[in-house]
PDB file of N, CA and C in Angstrom:
ATOM      1  N   MET A   1     -57.280 122.599  16.446  1.00  0.00           N
ATOM      2  CA  MET A   1     -56.452 123.462  16.238  1.00  0.00           C
ATOM      3  C   MET A   1     -55.150 123.261  16.892  1.00  0.00           C
ATOM      4  N   SER A   2     -54.007 123.282  16.100  1.00  0.00           N
ATOM      5  CA  SER A   2     -52.856 122.986  16.856  1.00  0.00           C
ATOM      6  C   SER A   2     -52.122 124.334  17.647  1.00  0.00           C
ATOM      7  N   ILE A   3     -50.811 123.660  18.317  1.00  0.00           N
ATOM      8  CA  ILE A   3     -50.361 124.708  19.111  1.00  0.00           C
ATOM      9  C   ILE A   3     -49.187 125.007  18.078  1.00  0.00           C
ATOM     10  N   ALA A   4     -48.935 126.517  18.073  1.00  0.00           N
ATOM     11  CA  ALA A   4     -47.417 126.684  17.431  1.00  0.00           C
ATOM     12  C   ALA A   4     -46.453 126.440  18.376  1.00  0.00           C
ATOM     13  N   LEU A   5     -45.121 126.058  17.256  1.00  0.00           N
ATOM     14  CA  LEU A   5     -44.001 125.692  18.505  1.00  0.00           C
ATOM     15  C   LEU A   5     -43.297 126.443  18.968  1.00  0.00           C
ATOM     16  N   ASP A   6     -43.637 127.714  18.769  1.00  0.00           N
ATOM     17  CA  ASP A   6     -42.827 128.855  19.631  1.00  0.00           C
ATOM     18  C   ASP A   6     -44.201 129.094  20.701  1.00  0.00           C
ATOM     19  N   ASN A   7     -45.361 128.720  21.182  1.00  0.00           N
ATOM     20  CA  ASN A   7     -45.874 128.595  22.355  1.00  0.00           C
ATOM     21  C   ASN A   7     -46.059 127.348  23.017  1.00  0.00           C
ATOM     22  N   LEU A   8     -44.944 126.473  22.877  1.00  0.00           N
ATOM     23  CA  LEU A   8     -44.498 125.555  24.131  1.00  0.00           C
ATOM     24  C   LEU A   8     -44.052 125.989  24.789  1.00  0.00           C
ATOM     25  N   ARG A   9     -43.957 125.154  25.861  1.00  0.00           N
ATOM     26  CA  ARG A   9     -43.609 125.680  27.486  1.00  0.00           C
ATOM     27  C   ARG A   9     -43.053 124.644  28.125  1.00  0.00           C
ATOM     28  N   VAL A  10     -41.491 124.852  28.466  1.00  0.00           N
ATOM     29  CA  VAL A  10     -40.721 123.954  29.565  1.00  0.00           C
ATOM     30  C   VAL A  10     -41.693 123.555  30.801  1.00  0.00           C
ATOM     31  N   GLY A  11     -41.776 122.048  30.872  1.00  0.00           N
ATOM     32  CA  GLY A  11     -42.637 121.616  31.976  1.00  0.00           C
ATOM     33  C   GLY A  11     -44.054 121.143  31.528  1.00  0.00           C
ATOM     34  N   ARG A  12     -44.490 121.882  30.382  1.00  0.00           N
ATOM     35  CA  ARG A  12     -45.762 121.274  30.275  1.00  0.00           C
ATOM     36  C   ARG A  12     -45.883 120.264  29.676  1.00  0.00           C
ATOM     37  N   LYS A  13     -47.017 119.470  29.244  1.00  0.00           N
ATOM     38  CA  LYS A  13     -47.209 118.092  28.855  1.00  0.00           C
ATOM     39  C   LYS A  13     -47.914 118.199  27.511  1.00  0.00           C
ATOM     40  N   TYR A  14     -47.916 117.864  26.137  1.00  0.00           N
ATOM     41  CA  TYR A  14     -48.666 117.614  25.170  1.00  0.00           C
ATOM     42  C   TYR A  14     -48.875 116.549  24.767  1.00  0.00           C
ATOM     43  N   ARG A  15     -49.864 116.505  23.812  1.00  0.00           N
ATOM     44  CA  ARG A  15     -50.266 115.371  23.015  1.00  0.00           C
ATOM     45  C   ARG A  15     -49.779 115.511  21.863  1.00  0.00           C
ATOM     46  N   PHE A  16     -49.206 114.682  20.571  1.00  0.00           N
ATOM     47  CA  PHE A  16     -48.379 114.810  19.638  1.00  0.00           C
ATOM     48  C   PHE A  16     -48.880 113.913  19.100  1.00  0.00           C
ATOM     49  N   VAL A  17     -49.208 114.322  17.464  1.00  0.00           N
ATOM     50  CA  VAL A  17     -49.835 113.059  16.968  1.00  0.00           C
ATOM     51  C   VAL A  17     -49.553 113.511  15.625  1.00  0.00           C
ATOM     52  N   ASN A  18     -48.407 112.646  14.594  1.00  0.00           N
ATOM     53  CA  ASN A  18     -48.383 112.849  13.428  1.00  0.00           C
ATOM     54  C   ASN A  18     -47.920 111.560  12.829  1.00  0.00           C
ATOM     55  N   MET A  19     -48.258 111.722  11.298  1.00  0.00           N
ATOM     56  CA  MET A  19     -47.971 110.154  10.681  1.00  0.00           C
ATOM     57  C   MET A  19     -48.425 108.917  11.103  1.00  0.00           C
ATOM     58  N   GLY A  20     -49.606 109.146  11.959  1.00  0.00           N
ATOM     59  CA  GLY A  20     -50.232 107.632  12.324  1.00  0.00           C
ATOM     60  C   GLY A  20     -49.589 107.492  13.915  1.00  0.00           C
ATOM     61  N   GLU A  21     -48.729 107.920  14.328  1.00  0.00           N
ATOM     62  CA  GLU A  21     -48.522 108.011  15.816  1.00  0.00           C
ATOM     63  C   GLU A  21     -48.701 109.138  16.835  1.00  0.00           C
ATOM     64  N   SER A  22     -49.348 108.532  18.002  1.00  0.00           N
ATOM     65  CA  SER A  22     -49.401 109.105  18.866  1.00  0.00           C
ATOM     66  C   SER A  22     -48.636 109.290  19.913  1.00  0.00           C
ATOM     67  N   ARG A  23     -48.253 110.193  20.529  1.00  0.00           N
ATOM     68  CA  ARG A  23     -47.464 110.376  22.258  1.00  0.00           C
ATOM     69  C   ARG A  23     -47.951 111.610  22.850  1.00  0.00           C
ATOM     70  N   VAL A  24     -47.893 111.221  23.913  1.00  0.00           N
ATOM     71  CA  VAL A  24     -47.890 111.913  24.956  1.00  0.00           C
ATOM     72  C   VAL A  24     -46.533 112.548  25.518  1.00  0.00           C
ATOM     73  N   ILE A  25     -46.116 113.893  25.224  1.00  0.00           N
ATOM     74  CA  ILE A  25     -45.024 114.136  25.577  1.00  0.00           C
ATOM     75  C   ILE A  25     -44.490 115.261  26.354  1.00  0.00           C
ATOM     76  N   GLU A  26     -43.359 115.485  27.304  1.00  0.00           N
ATOM     77  CA  GLU A  26     -43.326 116.403  28.457  1.00  0.00           C
ATOM     78  C   GLU A  26     -42.070 117.590  27.882  1.00  0.00           C
ATOM     79  N   ILE A  27     -42.417 118.493  27.675  1.00  0.00           N
ATOM     80  CA  ILE A  27     -41.378 119.471  27.300  1.00  0.00           C
ATOM     81  C   ILE A  27     -40.409 119.561  28.330  1.00  0.00           C
ATOM     82  N   MET A  28     -38.768 119.194  27.908  1.00  0.00           N
ATOM     83  CA  MET A  28     -37.803 118.883  28.966  1.00  0.00           C
ATOM     84  C   MET A  28     -36.772 120.286  28.762  1.00  0.00           C
ATOM     85  N   ASP A  29     -36.725 120.907  27.893  1.00  0.00           N
ATOM     86  CA  ASP A  29     -35.775 122.028  28.033  1.00  0.00           C
ATOM     87  C   ASP A  29     -35.744 122.600  26.383  1.00  0.00           C
ATOM     88  N   ARG A  30     -35.493 123.807  26.120  1.00  0.00           N
ATOM     89  CA  ARG A  30     -35.598 124.544  24.856  1.00  0.00           C
ATOM     90  C   ARG A  30     -34.395 124.835  24.488  1.00  0.00           C
ATOM     91  N   ILE A  31     -33.955 123.666  23.421  1.00  0.00           N
ATOM     92  CA  ILE A  31     -32.429 123.722  22.861  1.00  0.00           C
ATOM     93  C   ILE A  31     -32.124 124.985  22.104  1.00  0.00           C
ATOM     94  N   SER A  32     -33.246 125.365  20.888  1.00  0.00           N
ATOM     95  CA  SER A  32     -32.772 126.573  20.224  1.00  0.00           C
ATOM     96  C   SER A  32     -34.274 126.804  19.208  1.00  0.00           C
ATOM     97  N   GLY A  33     -34.288 128.191  19.186  1.00  0.00           N
ATOM     98  CA  GLY A  33     -35.554 128.402  18.114  1.00  0.00           C
ATOM     99  C   GLY A  33     -36.692 127.558  18.741  1.00  0.00           C
ATOM    100  N   ASP A  34     -37.195 126.818  17.950  1.00  0.00           N
ATOM    101  CA  ASP A  34     -37.987 125.732  17.565  1.00  0.00           C
ATOM    102  C   ASP A  34     -38.112 124.161  18.334  1.00  0.00           C
ATOM    103  N   ASN A  35     -36.842 124.383  18.573  1.00  0.00           N
ATOM    104  CA  ASN A  35     -36.468 122.782  18.740  1.00  0.00           C
ATOM    105  C   ASN A  35     -36.628 122.974  20.348  1.00  0.00           C
ATOM    106  N   PHE A  36     -36.937 121.455  21.032  1.00  0.00           N
ATOM    107  CA  PHE A  36     -36.853 121.306  22.353  1.00  0.00           C
ATOM    108  C   PHE A  36     -36.671 119.737  22.762  1.00  0.00           C
ATOM    109  N   GLN A  37     -35.982 119.963  23.557  1.00  0.00           N
ATOM    110  CA  GLN A  37     -35.761 118.387  24.111  1.00  0.00           C
ATOM    111  C   GLN A  37     -37.361 117.778  25.073  1.00  0.00           C
ATOM    112  N   VAL A  38     -37.497 116.762  24.528  1.00  0.00           N
ATOM    113  CA  VAL A  38     -38.969 116.097  24.783  1.00  0.00           C
ATOM    114  C   VAL A  38     -38.699 114.813  25.795  1.00  0.00           C
ATOM    115  N   LYS A  39     -39.619 114.302  26.684  1.00  0.00           N
ATOM    116  CA  LYS A  39     -39.527 113.275  27.168  1.00  0.00           C
ATOM    117  C   LYS A  39     -40.857 112.306  26.874  1.00  0.00           C
ATOM    118  N   ASP A  40     -40.790 111.662  26.246  1.00  0.00           N
ATOM    119  CA  ASP A  40     -41.934 110.517  25.640  1.00  0.00           C
ATOM    120  C   ASP A  40     -42.401 109.780  26.748  1.00  0.00           C
ATOM    121  N   LEU A  41     -43.618 110.454  27.691  1.00  0.00           N
ATOM    122  CA  LEU A  41     -44.359 110.055  28.743  1.00  0.00           C
ATOM    123  C   LEU A  41     -44.474 108.275  28.491  1.00  0.00           C
ATOM    124  N   ASP A  42     -44.630 108.000  27.555  1.00  0.00           N
ATOM    125  CA  ASP A  42     -45.184 106.443  27.598  1.00  0.00           C
ATOM    126  C   ASP A  42     -43.840 105.414  27.721  1.00  0.00           C
ATOM    127  N   THR A  43     -42.961 106.139  27.067  1.00  0.00           N
ATOM    128  CA  THR A  43     -41.296 104.869  26.831  1.00  0.00           C
ATOM    129  C   THR A  43     -40.484 105.856  27.974  1.00  0.00           C
ATOM    130  N   LEU A  44     -40.415 106.848  28.139  1.00  0.00           N
ATOM    131  CA  LEU A  44     -39.678 107.650  28.918  1.00  0.00           C
ATOM    132  C   LEU A  44     -38.192 108.029  28.154  1.00  0.00           C
ATOM    133  N   GLU A  45     -38.020 107.914  26.888  1.00  0.00           N
ATOM    134  CA  GLU A  45     -37.228 107.764  26.219  1.00  0.00           C
ATOM    135  C   GLU A  45     -36.914 109.611  25.671  1.00  0.00           C
ATOM    136  N   LEU A  46     -35.887 110.063  25.942  1.00  0.00           N
ATOM    137  CA  LEU A  46     -35.457 111.415  25.075  1.00  0.00           C
ATOM    138  C   LEU A  46     -35.652 111.912  23.603  1.00  0.00           C
ATOM    139  N   TYR A  47     -36.051 112.303  22.815  1.00  0.00           N
ATOM    140  CA  TYR A  47     -36.084 113.214  22.093  1.00  0.00           C
ATOM    141  C   TYR A  47     -35.934 114.685  21.789  1.00  0.00           C
ATOM    142  N   THR A  48     -35.677 115.099  20.463  1.00  0.00           N
ATOM    143  CA  THR A  48     -35.866 116.746  20.056  1.00  0.00           C
ATOM    144  C   THR A  48     -36.779 116.565  19.289  1.00  0.00           C
ATOM    145  N   LEU A  49     -37.588 117.830  19.440  1.00  0.00           N
ATOM    146  CA  LEU A  49     -38.829 117.748  18.449  1.00  0.00           C
ATOM    147  C   LEU A  49     -38.504 117.781  17.137  1.00  0.00           C
ATOM    148  N   GLU A  50     -37.135 117.972  16.964  1.00  0.00           N
ATOM    149  CA  GLU A  50     -36.586 118.065  15.417  1.00  0.00           C
ATOM    150  C   GLU A  50     -36.496 116.711  15.096  1.00  0.00           C
ATOM    151  N   GLU A  51     -36.408 115.921  15.800  1.00  0.00           N
ATOM    152  CA  GLU A  51     -36.205 114.339  15.587  1.00  0.00           C
ATOM    153  C   GLU A  51     -37.679 113.822  15.059  1.00  0.00           C
ATOM    154  N   LEU A  52     -38.621 114.192  15.999  1.00  0.00           N
ATOM    155  CA  LEU A  52     -39.951 113.654  15.470  1.00  0.00           C
ATOM    156  C   LEU A  52     -40.410 114.436  14.006  1.00  0.00           C
ATOM    157  N   LEU A  53     -40.224 115.764  13.621  1.00  0.00           N
ATOM    158  CA  LEU A  53     -40.904 116.146  12.741  1.00  0.00           C
ATOM    159  C   LEU A  53     -39.802 115.939  11.802  1.00  0.00           C
ATOM    160  N   ARG A  54     -38.815 114.906  11.856  1.00  0.00           N
ATOM    161  CA  ARG A  54     -37.675 115.128  10.534  1.00  0.00           C
ATOM    162  C   ARG A  54     -38.040 114.757   9.185  1.00  0.00           C
ATOM    163  N   TRP A  55     -39.399 113.750   9.498  1.00  0.00           N
ATOM    164  CA  TRP A  55     -39.768 113.446   8.271  1.00  0.00           C
ATOM    165  C   TRP A  55     -41.268 114.135   7.778  1.00  0.00           C
ATOM    166  N   GLY A  56     -41.167 115.362   8.062  1.00  0.00           N
ATOM    167  CA  GLY A  56     -42.492 116.260   7.877  1.00  0.00           C
ATOM    168  C   GLY A  56     -43.869 116.163   8.485  1.00  0.00           C
ATOM    169  N   ARG A  57     -44.722 116.641   8.302  1.00  0.00           N
ATOM    170  CA  ARG A  57     -45.857 116.869   9.047  1.00  0.00           C
ATOM    171  C   ARG A  57     -46.982 115.782   8.151  1.00  0.00           C
ATOM    172  N   GLY A  58     -47.610 115.303   8.830  1.00  0.00           N
ATOM    173  CA  GLY A  58     -48.285 114.507   8.193  1.00  0.00           C
ATOM    174  C   GLY A  58     -49.775 115.175   7.971  1.00  0.00           C
ATOM    175  N   LYS A  59     -51.052 114.606   7.251  1.00  0.00           N
ATOM    176  CA  LYS A  59     -52.404 115.319   7.432  1.00  0.00           C
ATOM    177  C   LYS A  59     -52.753 115.091   8.667  1.00  0.00           C
ATOM    178  N   ASP A  60     -52.515 114.175   9.566  1.00  0.00           N
ATOM    179  CA  ASP A  60     -53.059 113.778  11.132  1.00  0.00           C
ATOM    180  C   ASP A  60     -51.935 114.770  11.758  1.00  0.00           C
ATOM    181  N   TYR A  61     -51.180 115.581  11.698  1.00  0.00           N
ATOM    182  CA  TYR A  61     -50.390 116.381  12.519  1.00  0.00           C
ATOM    183  C   TYR A  61     -51.144 117.098  13.420  1.00  0.00           C
ATOM    184  N   GLU A  62     -51.208 116.946  14.695  1.00  0.00           N
ATOM    185  CA  GLU A  62     -51.648 117.701  16.117  1.00  0.00           C
ATOM    186  C   GLU A  62     -50.771 117.899  16.970  1.00  0.00           C
ATOM    187  N   LEU A  63     -50.910 118.998  17.743  1.00  0.00           N
ATOM    188  CA  LEU A  63     -50.051 119.461  18.891  1.00  0.00           C
ATOM    189  C   LEU A  63     -51.201 120.075  19.674  1.00  0.00           C
ATOM    190  N   ASP A  64     -51.414 119.397  20.819  1.00  0.00           N
ATOM    191  CA  ASP A  64     -52.607 120.139  21.856  1.00  0.00           C
ATOM    192  C   ASP A  64     -51.989 119.907  22.910  1.00  0.00           C
ATOM    193  N   GLU A  65     -52.085 120.550  24.005  1.00  0.00           N
ATOM    194  CA  GLU A  65     -51.857 120.616  25.500  1.00  0.00           C
ATOM    195  C   GLU A  65     -52.733 119.519  26.183  1.00  0.00           C
ATOM    196  N   TYR A  66     -51.911 118.719  26.727  1.00  0.00           N
ATOM    197  CA  TYR A  66     -52.351 117.695  27.598  1.00  0.00           C
ATOM    198  C   TYR A  66     -53.105 117.747  28.487  1.00  0.00           C
ATOM    199  N   SER A  67     -54.372 117.108  28.875  1.00  0.00           N
ATOM    200  CA  SER A  67     -54.714 116.854  30.097  1.00  0.00           C
ATOM    201  C   SER A  67     -55.396 115.993  30.965  1.00  0.00           C
ATOM    202  N   SER A  68     -54.583 115.609  32.215  1.00  0.00           N
ATOM    203  CA  SER A  68     -55.591 113.917  32.239  1.00  0.00           C
ATOM    204  C   SER A  68     -56.249 113.452  32.789  1.00  0.00           C
ATOM    205  N   ARG A  69     -57.272 114.421  32.297  1.00  0.00           N
ATOM    206  CA  ARG A  69     -58.800 113.985  32.568  1.00  0.00           C
ATOM    207  C   ARG A  69     -59.335 112.859  32.354  1.00  0.00           C
TER     208      ARG A  69
END
């Protein structure tokens, strides 16, 4: 079960899956409402969550807290 966007916390890491892409992201800052600045921990690029969800949510959409176990 995915985490709701309003439950995301700055400084925490999450596994984000959508439209066949999987990323581990860290929430850097809350921009407004449900929009956050995020850092892709594989490429170190900065995005907004809005950019990652721009084309909608696929059947595989998942957003869960990441643990590095």
